[in-house]
Amino acid sequence: QVQLVESGGGLVQPGGSLRLSCAASRSIFSIYAMGWYRQAPGKERGLVATISSAGGSTNYADSVKGRFTISRDNAKNTVTLQMNSLKPEDTAVYYCKAVRGKYNYWGQGTQVTVSS
């Protein structure tokens, strides 16, 4: 079992930045691929960004490419999502996910609201 706790969400104006963090409960964090997903009201949860277990490979949704950056620190069991140039359409609950084979774990989510 891996427990994930997200933090860093909040209210920001359009064009602003936020940095989300996800802390994992286990030291074997480094064997899991990690991802950030988001769910806006009335919409399905969708991929934002993923990063491989060693951090050498990343993947982004087209809508966030060039604005968001995912990174991880395996020594600290954390994965972060740096979000720049935020838009109102980025408003959603953001979830952290850990994946290894058939096993996957979700955090509880953190709200991001982009509004003037």
C-alpha atoms as a PDB file:
ATOM      1  CA  GLN A   1       0.000   0.000   0.000  1.00  0.00           C
ATOM      2  CA  VAL A   2       1.221   3.463  -0.918  1.00  0.00           C
ATOM      3  CA  GLN A   3      -0.388   6.530   0.593  1.00  0.00           C
ATOM      4  CA  LEU A   4      -0.168   9.765  -1.341  1.00  0.00           C
ATOM      5  CA  VAL A   5      -0.809  13.261  -0.014  1.00  0.00           C
ATOM      6  CA  GLU A   6      -1.080  16.239  -2.344  1.00  0.00           C
ATOM      7  CA  SER A   7      -0.519  19.844  -1.344  1.00  0.00           C
ATOM      8  CA  GLY A   8      -0.010  23.252  -2.908  1.00  0.00           C
ATOM      9  CA  GLY A   9      -3.391  23.922  -4.456  1.00  0.00           C
ATOM     10  CA  GLY A  10      -5.226  27.199  -4.105  1.00  0.00           C
ATOM     11  CA  LEU A  11      -6.636  30.241  -5.859  1.00  0.00           C
ATOM     12  CA  VAL A  12      -4.486  32.010  -8.436  1.00  0.00           C
ATOM     13  CA  GLN A  13      -5.108  34.663 -11.063  1.00  0.00           C
ATOM     14  CA  PRO A  14      -4.841  33.860 -14.767  1.00  0.00           C
ATOM     15  CA  GLY A  15      -1.208  33.952 -15.834  1.00  0.00           C
ATOM     16  CA  GLY A  16      -0.025  33.017 -12.366  1.00  0.00           C
ATOM     17  CA  SER A  17       1.863  29.980 -11.097  1.00  0.00           C
ATOM     18  CA  LEU A  18       1.370  27.219  -8.573  1.00  0.00           C
ATOM     19  CA  ARG A  19       3.531  24.323  -7.477  1.00  0.00           C
ATOM     20  CA  LEU A  20       1.814  21.101  -6.454  1.00  0.00           C
ATOM     21  CA  SER A  21       3.572  18.463  -4.386  1.00  0.00           C
ATOM     22  CA  CYS A  22       2.744  14.838  -3.712  1.00  0.00           C
ATOM     23  CA  ALA A  23       4.380  13.031  -0.817  1.00  0.00           C
ATOM     24  CA  ALA A  24       4.459   9.232  -0.748  1.00  0.00           C
ATOM     25  CA  SER A  25       4.404   7.138   2.384  1.00  0.00           C
ATOM     26  CA  ARG A  26       6.870   4.465   1.414  1.00  0.00           C
ATOM     27  CA  SER A  27      10.568   4.416   0.703  1.00  0.00           C
ATOM     28  CA  ILE A  28       9.980   2.185  -2.332  1.00  0.00           C
ATOM     29  CA  PHE A  29       8.471   5.205  -4.053  1.00  0.00           C
ATOM     30  CA  SER A  30      11.324   5.048  -6.567  1.00  0.00           C
ATOM     31  CA  ILE A  31       9.945   1.919  -8.261  1.00  0.00           C
ATOM     32  CA  TYR A  32       6.632   3.561  -9.135  1.00  0.00           C
ATOM     33  CA  ALA A  33       5.859   5.633 -12.173  1.00  0.00           C
ATOM     34  CA  MET A  34       4.000   8.749 -11.069  1.00  0.00           C
ATOM     35  CA  GLY A  35       1.408  10.982 -12.631  1.00  0.00           C
ATOM     36  CA  TRP A  36      -0.770  14.004 -12.129  1.00  0.00           C
ATOM     37  CA  TYR A  37      -4.383  13.926 -13.254  1.00  0.00           C
ATOM     38  CA  ARG A  38      -7.174  16.456 -12.955  1.00  0.00           C
ATOM     39  CA  GLN A  39     -10.938  16.513 -12.862  1.00  0.00           C
ATOM     40  CA  ALA A  40     -13.046  19.577 -13.513  1.00  0.00           C
ATOM     41  CA  PRO A  41     -16.716  19.756 -12.475  1.00  0.00           C
ATOM     42  CA  GLY A  42     -18.876  17.700 -14.803  1.00  0.00           C
ATOM     43  CA  LYS A  43     -15.875  16.225 -16.605  1.00  0.00           C
ATOM     44  CA  GLU A  44     -13.973  12.960 -16.432  1.00  0.00           C
ATOM     45  CA  ARG A  45     -10.600  12.711 -14.761  1.00  0.00           C
ATOM     46  CA  GLY A  46      -7.827  13.123 -17.311  1.00  0.00           C
ATOM     47  CA  LEU A  47      -4.077  12.915 -17.632  1.00  0.00           C
ATOM     48  CA  VAL A  48      -1.978  16.007 -16.998  1.00  0.00           C
ATOM     49  CA  ALA A  49       1.562  14.622 -16.851  1.00  0.00           C
ATOM     50  CA  THR A  50       3.476  11.443 -16.051  1.00  0.00           C
ATOM     51  CA  ILE A  51       7.054  10.659 -15.110  1.00  0.00           C
ATOM     52  CA  SER A  52       8.895   7.349 -15.147  1.00  0.00           C
ATOM     53  CA  SER A  53      10.217   5.710 -11.982  1.00  0.00           C
ATOM     54  CA  ALA A  54      13.758   7.033 -12.469  1.00  0.00           C
ATOM     55  CA  GLY A  55      12.559  10.365 -13.806  1.00  0.00           C
ATOM     56  CA  GLY A  56      14.102   9.987 -17.233  1.00  0.00           C
ATOM     57  CA  SER A  57      10.886  10.021 -19.216  1.00  0.00           C
ATOM     58  CA  THR A  58       7.985  12.463 -19.018  1.00  0.00           C
ATOM     59  CA  ASN A  59       4.714  12.844 -20.861  1.00  0.00           C
ATOM     60  CA  TYR A  60       2.268  15.763 -20.964  1.00  0.00           C
ATOM     61  CA  ALA A  61      -1.244  16.432 -22.119  1.00  0.00           C
ATOM     62  CA  ASP A  62      -1.234  18.733 -25.141  1.00  0.00           C
ATOM     63  CA  SER A  63      -3.165  21.346 -23.203  1.00  0.00           C
ATOM     64  CA  VAL A  64      -0.342  21.832 -20.664  1.00  0.00           C
ATOM     65  CA  LYS A  65       2.780  21.334 -22.780  1.00  0.00           C
ATOM     66  CA  GLY A  66       5.199  24.210 -22.378  1.00  0.00           C
ATOM     67  CA  ARG A  67       3.426  25.463 -19.246  1.00  0.00           C
ATOM     68  CA  PHE A  68       3.615  22.583 -16.751  1.00  0.00           C
ATOM     69  CA  THR A  69       6.654  20.615 -15.614  1.00  0.00           C
ATOM     70  CA  ILE A  70       6.609  17.350 -13.685  1.00  0.00           C
ATOM     71  CA  SER A  71       9.603  16.264 -11.636  1.00  0.00           C
ATOM     72  CA  ARG A  72      10.423  13.873  -8.821  1.00  0.00           C
ATOM     73  CA  ASP A  73      12.870  13.498  -5.969  1.00  0.00           C
ATOM     74  CA  ASN A  74      13.178   9.819  -5.102  1.00  0.00           C
ATOM     75  CA  ALA A  75      15.332  10.569  -2.071  1.00  0.00           C
ATOM     76  CA  LYS A  76      12.442  12.580  -0.598  1.00  0.00           C
ATOM     77  CA  ASN A  77       9.600  10.401  -1.948  1.00  0.00           C
ATOM     78  CA  THR A  78       7.994  13.372  -3.657  1.00  0.00           C
ATOM     79  CA  VAL A  79       6.716  14.328  -7.089  1.00  0.00           C
ATOM     80  CA  THR A  80       5.938  17.897  -8.034  1.00  0.00           C
ATOM     81  CA  LEU A  81       4.006  19.684 -10.735  1.00  0.00           C
ATOM     82  CA  GLN A  82       5.139  23.209 -11.545  1.00  0.00           C
ATOM     83  CA  MET A  83       2.295  25.039 -13.244  1.00  0.00           C
ATOM     84  CA  ASN A  84       2.977  28.324 -15.022  1.00  0.00           C
ATOM     85  CA  SER A  85       0.856  30.600 -17.187  1.00  0.00           C
ATOM     86  CA  LEU A  86      -2.281  29.210 -15.618  1.00  0.00           C
ATOM     87  CA  LYS A  87      -5.593  29.587 -17.407  1.00  0.00           C
ATOM     88  CA  PRO A  88      -9.171  29.458 -16.108  1.00  0.00           C
ATOM     89  CA  GLU A  89      -9.585  26.136 -17.916  1.00  0.00           C
ATOM     90  CA  ASP A  90      -6.892  24.662 -15.662  1.00  0.00           C
ATOM     91  CA  THR A  91      -9.355  24.885 -12.770  1.00  0.00           C
ATOM     92  CA  ALA A  92      -9.862  21.380 -11.391  1.00  0.00           C
ATOM     93  CA  VAL A  93      -9.088  19.007  -8.573  1.00  0.00           C
ATOM     94  CA  TYR A  94      -5.575  17.670  -9.169  1.00  0.00           C
ATOM     95  CA  TYR A  95      -4.733  14.110  -8.168  1.00  0.00           C
ATOM     96  CA  CYS A  96      -1.432  12.328  -7.759  1.00  0.00           C
ATOM     97  CA  LYS A  97      -1.172   8.683  -8.883  1.00  0.00           C
ATOM     98  CA  ALA A  98       1.432   5.972  -8.339  1.00  0.00           C
ATOM     99  CA  VAL A  99       1.585   3.052 -10.774  1.00  0.00           C
ATOM    100  CA  ARG A 100       3.522  -0.187 -10.911  1.00  0.00           C
ATOM    101  CA  GLY A 101       2.145  -3.014 -12.988  1.00  0.00           C
ATOM    102  CA  LYS A 102      -1.355  -3.857 -11.845  1.00  0.00           C
ATOM    103  CA  TYR A 103      -1.002  -1.732  -8.735  1.00  0.00           C
ATOM    104  CA  ASN A 104      -2.082   1.880  -8.681  1.00  0.00           C
ATOM    105  CA  TYR A 105      -2.779   4.321  -5.873  1.00  0.00           C
ATOM    106  CA  TRP A 106      -4.432   7.744  -5.779  1.00  0.00           C
ATOM    107  CA  GLY A 107      -4.120  10.704  -3.483  1.00  0.00           C
ATOM    108  CA  GLN A 108      -7.113  12.604  -2.136  1.00  0.00           C
ATOM    109  CA  GLY A 109      -6.699  15.543  -4.504  1.00  0.00           C
ATOM    110  CA  THR A 110      -6.014  19.245  -4.173  1.00  0.00           C
ATOM    111  CA  GLN A 111      -8.168  22.028  -5.593  1.00  0.00           C
ATOM    112  CA  VAL A 112      -6.693  24.472  -8.089  1.00  0.00           C
ATOM    113  CA  THR A 113      -8.820  27.466  -9.018  1.00  0.00           C
ATOM    114  CA  VAL A 114      -7.710  29.950 -11.665  1.00  0.00           C
ATOM    115  CA  SER A 115      -9.841  33.053 -11.554  1.00  0.00           C
ATOM    116  CA  SER A 116      -9.588  36.815 -11.478  1.00  0.00           C
END
